[in-house]
PDB file of N, CA and C in Angstrom:
ATOM      1  N   MET A   1       0.856  -1.177   0.000  1.00  0.00           N
ATOM      2  CA  MET A   1       0.000   0.000   0.000  1.00  0.00           C
ATOM      3  C   MET A   1       0.899   1.236   0.000  1.00  0.00           C
ATOM      4  N   THR A   2       0.716   2.068  -1.010  1.00  0.00           N
ATOM      5  CA  THR A   2       1.529   3.271  -1.113  1.00  0.00           C
ATOM      6  C   THR A   2       1.020   4.328  -0.129  1.00  0.00           C
ATOM      7  N   LEU A   3       1.799   5.361   0.007  1.00  0.00           N
ATOM      8  CA  LEU A   3       1.427   6.451   0.909  1.00  0.00           C
ATOM      9  C   LEU A   3       0.121   7.107   0.455  1.00  0.00           C
ATOM     10  N   LEU A   4      -0.043   7.297  -0.858  1.00  0.00           N
ATOM     11  CA  LEU A   4      -1.271   7.901  -1.377  1.00  0.00           C
ATOM     12  C   LEU A   4      -2.485   7.019  -1.091  1.00  0.00           C
ATOM     13  N   GLU A   5      -2.361   5.726  -1.290  1.00  0.00           N
ATOM     14  CA  GLU A   5      -3.473   4.808  -1.019  1.00  0.00           C
ATOM     15  C   GLU A   5      -3.834   4.801   0.459  1.00  0.00           C
ATOM     16  N   ARG A   6      -2.817   4.842   1.320  1.00  0.00           N
ATOM     17  CA  ARG A   6      -3.057   4.881   2.761  1.00  0.00           C
ATOM     18  C   ARG A   6      -3.775   6.179   3.148  1.00  0.00           C
ATOM     19  N   TYR A   7      -3.334   7.283   2.560  1.00  0.00           N
ATOM     20  CA  TYR A   7      -3.963   8.581   2.816  1.00  0.00           C
ATOM     21  C   TYR A   7      -5.429   8.560   2.375  1.00  0.00           C
ATOM     22  N   GLN A   8      -5.694   8.028   1.186  1.00  0.00           N
ATOM     23  CA  GLN A   8      -7.065   7.948   0.691  1.00  0.00           C
ATOM     24  C   GLN A   8      -7.919   7.046   1.582  1.00  0.00           C
ATOM     25  N   HIS A   9      -7.349   5.946   2.032  1.00  0.00           N
ATOM     26  CA  HIS A   9      -8.071   5.019   2.906  1.00  0.00           C
ATOM     27  C   HIS A   9      -8.478   5.704   4.207  1.00  0.00           C
ATOM     28  N   TRP A  10      -7.540   6.374   4.851  1.00  0.00           N
ATOM     29  CA  TRP A  10      -7.853   7.046   6.113  1.00  0.00           C
ATOM     30  C   TRP A  10      -8.781   8.234   5.895  1.00  0.00           C
ATOM     31  N   GLY A  11      -8.668   8.907   4.754  1.00  0.00           N
ATOM     32  CA  GLY A  11      -9.583   9.997   4.433  1.00  0.00           C
ATOM     33  C   GLY A  11     -11.015   9.514   4.307  1.00  0.00           C
ATOM     34  N   GLU A  12     -11.205   8.344   3.697  1.00  0.00           N
ATOM     35  CA  GLU A  12     -12.544   7.767   3.574  1.00  0.00           C
ATOM     36  C   GLU A  12     -13.114   7.396   4.943  1.00  0.00           C
ATOM     37  N   ILE A  13     -12.269   6.880   5.823  1.00  0.00           N
ATOM     38  CA  ILE A  13     -12.726   6.526   7.171  1.00  0.00           C
ATOM     39  C   ILE A  13     -13.163   7.777   7.933  1.00  0.00           C
ATOM     40  N   VAL A  14     -12.350   8.824   7.871  1.00  0.00           N
ATOM     41  CA  VAL A  14     -12.692  10.068   8.568  1.00  0.00           C
ATOM     42  C   VAL A  14     -13.991  10.650   8.017  1.00  0.00           C
ATOM     43  N   MET A  15     -14.164  10.627   6.700  1.00  0.00           N
ATOM     44  CA  MET A  15     -15.385  11.173   6.103  1.00  0.00           C
ATOM     45  C   MET A  15     -16.613  10.331   6.442  1.00  0.00           C
ATOM     46  N   ARG A  16     -16.439   9.032   6.667  1.00  0.00           N
ATOM     47  CA  ARG A  16     -17.566   8.198   7.074  1.00  0.00           C
ATOM     48  C   ARG A  16     -17.991   8.518   8.506  1.00  0.00           C
ATOM     49  N   ILE A  17     -17.012   8.776   9.370  1.00  0.00           N
ATOM     50  CA  ILE A  17     -17.313   9.066  10.775  1.00  0.00           C
ATOM     51  C   ILE A  17     -17.807  10.499  10.936  1.00  0.00           C
ATOM     52  N   PHE A  18     -17.071  11.449  10.356  1.00  0.00           N
ATOM     53  CA  PHE A  18     -17.418  12.869  10.460  1.00  0.00           C
ATOM     54  C   PHE A  18     -17.876  13.361   9.096  1.00  0.00           C
ATOM     55  N   ARG A  19     -19.177  13.224   8.846  1.00  0.00           N
ATOM     56  CA  ARG A  19     -19.739  13.675   7.573  1.00  0.00           C
ATOM     57  C   ARG A  19     -19.482  15.170   7.389  1.00  0.00           C
ATOM     58  N   PHE A  20     -19.641  15.634   6.139  1.00  0.00           N
ATOM     59  CA  PHE A  20     -19.366  17.032   5.829  1.00  0.00           C
ATOM     60  C   PHE A  20     -20.234  17.978   6.650  1.00  0.00           C
ATOM     61  N   ASP A  21     -21.508  17.643   6.843  1.00  0.00           N
ATOM     62  CA  ASP A  21     -22.381  18.537   7.609  1.00  0.00           C
ATOM     63  C   ASP A  21     -21.942  18.628   9.067  1.00  0.00           C
ATOM     64  N   LEU A  22     -21.401  17.539   9.613  1.00  0.00           N
ATOM     65  CA  LEU A  22     -20.889  17.588  10.988  1.00  0.00           C
ATOM     66  C   LEU A  22     -19.640  18.459  11.067  1.00  0.00           C
ATOM     67  N   GLN A  23     -18.786  18.364  10.050  1.00  0.00           N
ATOM     68  CA  GLN A  23     -17.599  19.211  10.010  1.00  0.00           C
ATOM     69  C   GLN A  23     -17.993  20.681   9.919  1.00  0.00           C
ATOM     70  N   ALA A  24     -19.056  20.974   9.169  1.00  0.00           N
ATOM     71  CA  ALA A  24     -19.527  22.357   9.045  1.00  0.00           C
ATOM     72  C   ALA A  24     -20.037  22.881  10.390  1.00  0.00           C
ATOM     73  N   HIS A  25     -20.755  22.052  11.142  1.00  0.00           N
ATOM     74  CA  HIS A  25     -21.236  22.478  12.461  1.00  0.00           C
ATOM     75  C   HIS A  25     -20.060  22.745  13.399  1.00  0.00           C
ATOM     76  N   PHE A  26     -19.044  21.887  13.362  1.00  0.00           N
ATOM     77  CA  PHE A  26     -17.856  22.106  14.189  1.00  0.00           C
ATOM     78  C   PHE A  26     -17.190  23.422  13.795  1.00  0.00           C
ATOM     79  N   PHE A  27     -17.011  23.638  12.489  1.00  0.00           N
ATOM     80  CA  PHE A  27     -16.354  24.852  12.002  1.00  0.00           C
ATOM     81  C   PHE A  27     -17.106  26.105  12.436  1.00  0.00           C
ATOM     82  N   TRP A  28     -18.431  26.125  12.244  1.00  0.00           N
ATOM     83  CA  TRP A  28     -19.193  27.318  12.607  1.00  0.00           C
ATOM     84  C   TRP A  28     -19.207  27.536  14.109  1.00  0.00           C
ATOM     85  N   GLY A  29     -19.282  26.475  14.881  1.00  0.00           N
ATOM     86  CA  GLY A  29     -19.197  26.626  16.331  1.00  0.00           C
ATOM     87  C   GLY A  29     -17.857  27.220  16.741  1.00  0.00           C
ATOM     88  N   PHE A  30     -16.795  26.738  16.115  1.00  0.00           N
ATOM     89  CA  PHE A  30     -15.443  27.217  16.415  1.00  0.00           C
ATOM     90  C   PHE A  30     -15.274  28.669  15.971  1.00  0.00           C
ATOM     91  N   ALA A  31     -15.604  28.950  14.704  1.00  0.00           N
ATOM     92  CA  ALA A  31     -15.366  30.281  14.141  1.00  0.00           C
ATOM     93  C   ALA A  31     -16.200  31.358  14.836  1.00  0.00           C
ATOM     94  N   LEU A  32     -17.463  31.075  15.091  1.00  0.00           N
ATOM     95  CA  LEU A  32     -18.308  32.090  15.718  1.00  0.00           C
ATOM     96  C   LEU A  32     -17.902  32.349  17.165  1.00  0.00           C
ATOM     97  N   THR A  33     -17.452  31.325  17.862  1.00  0.00           N
ATOM     98  CA  THR A  33     -17.000  31.520  19.242  1.00  0.00           C
ATOM     99  C   THR A  33     -15.720  32.354  19.278  1.00  0.00           C
ATOM    100  N   LEU A  34     -14.860  32.187  18.282  1.00  0.00           N
ATOM    101  CA  LEU A  34     -13.640  32.997  18.230  1.00  0.00           C
ATOM    102  C   LEU A  34     -13.941  34.488  18.105  1.00  0.00           C
ATOM    103  N   LEU A  35     -15.092  34.838  17.563  1.00  0.00           N
ATOM    104  CA  LEU A  35     -15.453  36.250  17.434  1.00  0.00           C
ATOM    105  C   LEU A  35     -15.640  36.923  18.790  1.00  0.00           C
ATOM    106  N   GLY A  36     -15.750  36.142  19.846  1.00  0.00           N
ATOM    107  CA  GLY A  36     -15.858  36.700  21.189  1.00  0.00           C
ATOM    108  C   GLY A  36     -14.634  37.502  21.595  1.00  0.00           C
ATOM    109  N   VAL A  37     -13.540  37.327  20.887  1.00  0.00           N
ATOM    110  CA  VAL A  37     -12.340  38.117  21.156  1.00  0.00           C
ATOM    111  C   VAL A  37     -12.629  39.594  20.911  1.00  0.00           C
ATOM    112  N   TYR A  38     -13.489  39.889  19.948  1.00  0.00           N
ATOM    113  CA  TYR A  38     -13.785  41.272  19.591  1.00  0.00           C
ATOM    114  C   TYR A  38     -14.939  41.859  20.394  1.00  0.00           C
ATOM    115  N   TRP A  39     -15.874  41.016  20.801  1.00  0.00           N
ATOM    116  CA  TRP A  39     -17.015  41.478  21.601  1.00  0.00           C
ATOM    117  C   TRP A  39     -17.480  40.307  22.451  1.00  0.00           C
ATOM    118  N   PRO A  40     -17.254  40.337  23.768  1.00  0.00           N
ATOM    119  CA  PRO A  40     -17.504  39.175  24.632  1.00  0.00           C
ATOM    120  C   PRO A  40     -18.873  38.504  24.522  1.00  0.00           C
ATOM    121  N   PRO A  41     -19.984  39.213  24.262  1.00  0.00           N
ATOM    122  CA  PRO A  41     -21.248  38.473  24.117  1.00  0.00           C
ATOM    123  C   PRO A  41     -21.237  37.458  22.969  1.00  0.00           C
ATOM    124  N   LEU A  42     -20.311  37.608  22.041  1.00  0.00           N
ATOM    125  CA  LEU A  42     -20.233  36.669  20.921  1.00  0.00           C
ATOM    126  C   LEU A  42     -19.612  35.330  21.313  1.00  0.00           C
ATOM    127  N   TYR A  43     -19.113  35.199  22.535  1.00  0.00           N
ATOM    128  CA  TYR A  43     -18.594  33.899  22.972  1.00  0.00           C
ATOM    129  C   TYR A  43     -19.660  32.813  22.847  1.00  0.00           C
ATOM    130  N   LEU A  44     -20.897  33.161  23.100  1.00  0.00           N
ATOM    131  CA  LEU A  44     -21.980  32.179  23.042  1.00  0.00           C
ATOM    132  C   LEU A  44     -22.573  32.015  21.650  1.00  0.00           C
ATOM    133  N   SER A  45     -22.118  32.808  20.694  1.00  0.00           N
ATOM    134  CA  SER A  45     -22.739  32.781  19.370  1.00  0.00           C
ATOM    135  C   SER A  45     -22.604  31.427  18.683  1.00  0.00           C
ATOM    136  N   GLY A  46     -21.499  30.724  18.884  1.00  0.00           N
ATOM    137  CA  GLY A  46     -21.332  29.415  18.258  1.00  0.00           C
ATOM    138  C   GLY A  46     -22.394  28.430  18.699  1.00  0.00           C
ATOM    139  N   ILE A  47     -22.683  28.414  19.985  1.00  0.00           N
ATOM    140  CA  ILE A  47     -23.694  27.495  20.513  1.00  0.00           C
ATOM    141  C   ILE A  47     -25.093  27.960  20.116  1.00  0.00           C
ATOM    142  N   VAL A  48     -25.358  29.257  20.234  1.00  0.00           N
ATOM    143  CA  VAL A  48     -26.690  29.785  19.930  1.00  0.00           C
ATOM    144  C   VAL A  48     -27.049  29.552  18.463  1.00  0.00           C
ATOM    145  N   VAL A  49     -26.121  29.806  17.560  1.00  0.00           N
ATOM    146  CA  VAL A  49     -26.401  29.634  16.132  1.00  0.00           C
ATOM    147  C   VAL A  49     -26.641  28.166  15.803  1.00  0.00           C
ATOM    148  N   ASN A  50     -25.871  27.260  16.401  1.00  0.00           N
ATOM    149  CA  ASN A  50     -26.080  25.835  16.134  1.00  0.00           C
ATOM    150  C   ASN A  50     -27.438  25.360  16.637  1.00  0.00           C
ATOM    151  N   VAL A  51     -27.826  25.778  17.824  1.00  0.00           N
ATOM    152  CA  VAL A  51     -29.131  25.372  18.353  1.00  0.00           C
ATOM    153  C   VAL A  51     -30.254  26.001  17.525  1.00  0.00           C
ATOM    154  N   ALA A  52     -30.086  27.260  17.115  1.00  0.00           N
ATOM    155  CA  ALA A  52     -31.103  27.910  16.280  1.00  0.00           C
ATOM    156  C   ALA A  52     -31.237  27.212  14.932  1.00  0.00           C
ATOM    157  N   LYS A  53     -30.119  26.803  14.358  1.00  0.00           N
ATOM    158  CA  LYS A  53     -30.157  26.095  13.077  1.00  0.00           C
ATOM    159  C   LYS A  53     -30.891  24.768  13.221  1.00  0.00           C
ATOM    160  N   GLU A  54     -30.653  24.063  14.306  1.00  0.00           N
ATOM    161  CA  GLU A  54     -31.352  22.797  14.528  1.00  0.00           C
ATOM    162  C   GLU A  54     -32.837  23.019  14.792  1.00  0.00           C
ATOM    163  N   ALA A  55     -33.173  24.114  15.461  1.00  0.00           N
ATOM    164  CA  ALA A  55     -34.588  24.433  15.668  1.00  0.00           C
ATOM    165  C   ALA A  55     -35.270  24.700  14.327  1.00  0.00           C
ATOM    166  N   LEU A  56     -34.579  25.379  13.422  1.00  0.00           N
ATOM    167  CA  LEU A  56     -35.135  25.606  12.084  1.00  0.00           C
ATOM    168  C   LEU A  56     -35.265  24.297  11.313  1.00  0.00           C
ATOM    169  N   ASP A  57     -34.293  23.394  11.474  1.00  0.00           N
ATOM    170  CA  ASP A  57     -34.400  22.075  10.843  1.00  0.00           C
ATOM    171  C   ASP A  57     -35.591  21.300  11.399  1.00  0.00           C
ATOM    172  N   LEU A  58     -35.815  21.410  12.694  1.00  0.00           N
ATOM    173  CA  LEU A  58     -36.953  20.730  13.308  1.00  0.00           C
ATOM    174  C   LEU A  58     -38.265  21.282  12.755  1.00  0.00           C
ATOM    175  N   TRP A  59     -38.308  22.586  12.564  1.00  0.00           N
ATOM    176  CA  TRP A  59     -39.513  23.213  12.038  1.00  0.00           C
ATOM    177  C   TRP A  59     -39.730  22.875  10.562  1.00  0.00           C
ATOM    178  N   SER A  60     -38.654  22.936   9.759  1.00  0.00           N
ATOM    179  CA  SER A  60     -38.815  22.745   8.316  1.00  0.00           C
ATOM    180  C   SER A  60     -38.782  21.277   7.887  1.00  0.00           C
ATOM    181  N   LYS A  61     -37.860  20.497   8.454  1.00  0.00           N
ATOM    182  CA  LYS A  61     -37.683  19.103   8.031  1.00  0.00           C
ATOM    183  C   LYS A  61     -38.263  18.095   9.011  1.00  0.00           C
ATOM    184  N   LYS A  62     -38.746  18.588  10.146  1.00  0.00           N
ATOM    185  CA  LYS A  62     -39.261  17.705  11.209  1.00  0.00           C
ATOM    186  C   LYS A  62     -38.182  16.738  11.690  1.00  0.00           C
ATOM    187  N   LEU A  63     -36.962  17.256  11.802  1.00  0.00           N
ATOM    188  CA  LEU A  63     -35.828  16.420  12.190  1.00  0.00           C
ATOM    189  C   LEU A  63     -34.890  17.214  13.085  1.00  0.00           C
ATOM    190  N   TRP A  64     -34.560  16.639  14.237  1.00  0.00           N
ATOM    191  CA  TRP A  64     -33.583  17.230  15.158  1.00  0.00           C
ATOM    192  C   TRP A  64     -32.388  16.298  15.198  1.00  0.00           C
ATOM    193  N   SER A  65     -31.205  16.815  14.905  1.00  0.00           N
ATOM    194  CA  SER A  65     -30.002  15.989  14.875  1.00  0.00           C
ATOM    195  C   SER A  65     -29.104  16.346  16.056  1.00  0.00           C
ATOM    196  N   TRP A  66     -29.015  15.416  17.002  1.00  0.00           N
ATOM    197  CA  TRP A  66     -28.150  15.654  18.158  1.00  0.00           C
ATOM    198  C   TRP A  66     -26.682  15.657  17.765  1.00  0.00           C
ATOM    199  N   ASP A  67     -26.323  14.933  16.707  1.00  0.00           N
ATOM    200  CA  ASP A  67     -24.932  14.944  16.244  1.00  0.00           C
ATOM    201  C   ASP A  67     -24.513  16.354  15.850  1.00  0.00           C
ATOM    202  N   ASP A  68     -25.380  17.065  15.132  1.00  0.00           N
ATOM    203  CA  ASP A  68     -25.069  18.430  14.720  1.00  0.00           C
ATOM    204  C   ASP A  68     -24.879  19.337  15.933  1.00  0.00           C
ATOM    205  N   VAL A  69     -25.763  19.207  16.904  1.00  0.00           N
ATOM    206  CA  VAL A  69     -25.682  20.044  18.104  1.00  0.00           C
ATOM    207  C   VAL A  69     -24.398  19.744  18.878  1.00  0.00           C
ATOM    208  N   LEU A  70     -24.098  18.460  19.052  1.00  0.00           N
ATOM    209  CA  LEU A  70     -22.906  18.083  19.823  1.00  0.00           C
ATOM    210  C   LEU A  70     -21.619  18.533  19.139  1.00  0.00           C
ATOM    211  N   LEU A  71     -21.548  18.416  17.814  1.00  0.00           N
ATOM    212  CA  LEU A  71     -20.342  18.865  17.114  1.00  0.00           C
ATOM    213  C   LEU A  71     -20.225  20.381  17.145  1.00  0.00           C
ATOM    214  N   GLY A  72     -21.344  21.098  17.101  1.00  0.00           N
ATOM    215  CA  GLY A  72     -21.302  22.552  17.237  1.00  0.00           C
ATOM    216  C   GLY A  72     -20.802  22.970  18.610  1.00  0.00           C
ATOM    217  N   ILE A  73     -21.272  22.277  19.640  1.00  0.00           N
ATOM    218  CA  ILE A  73     -20.804  22.560  20.999  1.00  0.00           C
ATOM    219  C   ILE A  73     -19.330  22.189  21.137  1.00  0.00           C
ATOM    220  N   ALA A  74     -18.924  21.078  20.526  1.00  0.00           N
ATOM    221  CA  ALA A  74     -17.508  20.681  20.567  1.00  0.00           C
ATOM    222  C   ALA A  74     -16.637  21.737  19.895  1.00  0.00           C
ATOM    223  N   GLY A  75     -17.106  22.303  18.791  1.00  0.00           N
ATOM    224  CA  GLY A  75     -16.362  23.373  18.126  1.00  0.00           C
ATOM    225  C   GLY A  75     -16.234  24.595  19.012  1.00  0.00           C
ATOM    226  N   SER A  76     -17.312  24.938  19.705  1.00  0.00           N
ATOM    227  CA  SER A  76     -17.271  26.082  20.619  1.00  0.00           C
ATOM    228  C   SER A  76     -16.321  25.823  21.782  1.00  0.00           C
ATOM    229  N   LEU A  77     -16.362  24.608  22.323  1.00  0.00           N
ATOM    230  CA  LEU A  77     -15.448  24.271  23.424  1.00  0.00           C
ATOM    231  C   LEU A  77     -13.997  24.267  22.960  1.00  0.00           C
ATOM    232  N   ALA A  78     -13.752  23.806  21.739  1.00  0.00           N
ATOM    233  CA  ALA A  78     -12.389  23.839  21.198  1.00  0.00           C
ATOM    234  C   ALA A  78     -11.913  25.281  21.060  1.00  0.00           C
ATOM    235  N   ALA A  79     -12.799  26.174  20.629  1.00  0.00           N
ATOM    236  CA  ALA A  79     -12.436  27.589  20.519  1.00  0.00           C
ATOM    237  C   ALA A  79     -12.158  28.182  21.894  1.00  0.00           C
ATOM    238  N   PHE A  80     -12.997  27.840  22.890  1.00  0.00           N
ATOM    239  CA  PHE A  80     -12.741  28.307  24.255  1.00  0.00           C
ATOM    240  C   PHE A  80     -11.390  27.803  24.746  1.00  0.00           C
ATOM    241  N   GLY A  81     -11.090  26.542  24.475  1.00  0.00           N
ATOM    242  CA  GLY A  81      -9.795  25.985  24.869  1.00  0.00           C
ATOM    243  C   GLY A  81      -8.641  26.708  24.212  1.00  0.00           C
ATOM    244  N   TYR A  82      -8.786  27.005  22.937  1.00  0.00           N
ATOM    245  CA  TYR A  82      -7.734  27.739  22.228  1.00  0.00           C
ATOM    246  C   TYR A  82      -7.569  29.135  22.807  1.00  0.00           C
ATOM    247  N   LEU A  83      -8.670  29.850  22.990  1.00  0.00           N
ATOM    248  CA  LEU A  83      -8.592  31.207  23.529  1.00  0.00           C
ATOM    249  C   LEU A  83      -8.005  31.215  24.935  1.00  0.00           C
ATOM    250  N   TYR A  84      -8.370  30.233  25.741  1.00  0.00           N
ATOM    251  CA  TYR A  84      -7.826  30.136  27.097  1.00  0.00           C
ATOM    252  C   TYR A  84      -6.324  29.867  27.056  1.00  0.00           C
ATOM    253  N   SER A  85      -5.893  28.982  26.160  1.00  0.00           N
ATOM    254  CA  SER A  85      -4.469  28.640  26.095  1.00  0.00           C
ATOM    255  C   SER A  85      -3.621  29.820  25.632  1.00  0.00           C
ATOM    256  N   GLN A  86      -4.226  30.734  24.888  1.00  0.00           N
ATOM    257  CA  GLN A  86      -3.497  31.902  24.391  1.00  0.00           C
ATOM    258  C   GLN A  86      -3.723  33.147  25.256  1.00  0.00           C
ATOM    259  N   ASN A  87      -4.399  32.981  26.387  1.00  0.00           N
ATOM    260  CA  ASN A  87      -4.746  34.095  27.290  1.00  0.00           C
ATOM    261  C   ASN A  87      -5.504  35.202  26.558  1.00  0.00           C
ATOM    262  N   LEU A  88      -6.454  34.806  25.709  1.00  0.00           N
ATOM    263  CA  LEU A  88      -7.225  35.773  24.940  1.00  0.00           C
ATOM    264  C   LEU A  88      -8.660  35.919  25.425  1.00  0.00           C
ATOM    265  N   LEU A  89      -9.041  35.190  26.468  1.00  0.00           N
ATOM    266  CA  LEU A  89     -10.407  35.312  26.978  1.00  0.00           C
ATOM    267  C   LEU A  89     -10.575  36.667  27.648  1.00  0.00           C
ATOM    268  N   ILE A  90     -11.608  37.380  27.228  1.00  0.00           N
ATOM    269  CA  ILE A  90     -11.924  38.686  27.808  1.00  0.00           C
ATOM    270  C   ILE A  90     -13.130  38.494  28.712  1.00  0.00           C
ATOM    271  N   TYR A  91     -13.033  38.965  29.937  1.00  0.00           N
ATOM    272  CA  TYR A  91     -14.142  38.767  30.885  1.00  0.00           C
ATOM    273  C   TYR A  91     -15.053  39.943  30.878  1.00  0.00           C
TER     274      TYR A  91
END
C-alpha cells in the first residue's frame, strides 16, 4: 500500500465518521465563538447559532439531529480551549 493509497483510505474513514455537515457544524461553532475576542457576548454565538439552526431544521424538516448540536458545541469548546491557552479570553 503506497502512501497515497493509505492517505485515501484514512480519508474515507474520517469522512464516514465525520460527515461534511458535521464538520460544518464544528467549524461554525469554532469560528463564531472565536469572534468573542472582539465582543464578549459573541462567545456564546457558536452554541446559539447551532441550536437555532437545529430548531429551524426541526420546524422545516421535522428532524432534530443531536450529532449536529454536539459537534457545534464541541467546536465552541475547542475555541474556548484555544482562547484560554493563548490568554485571549476577555471577561
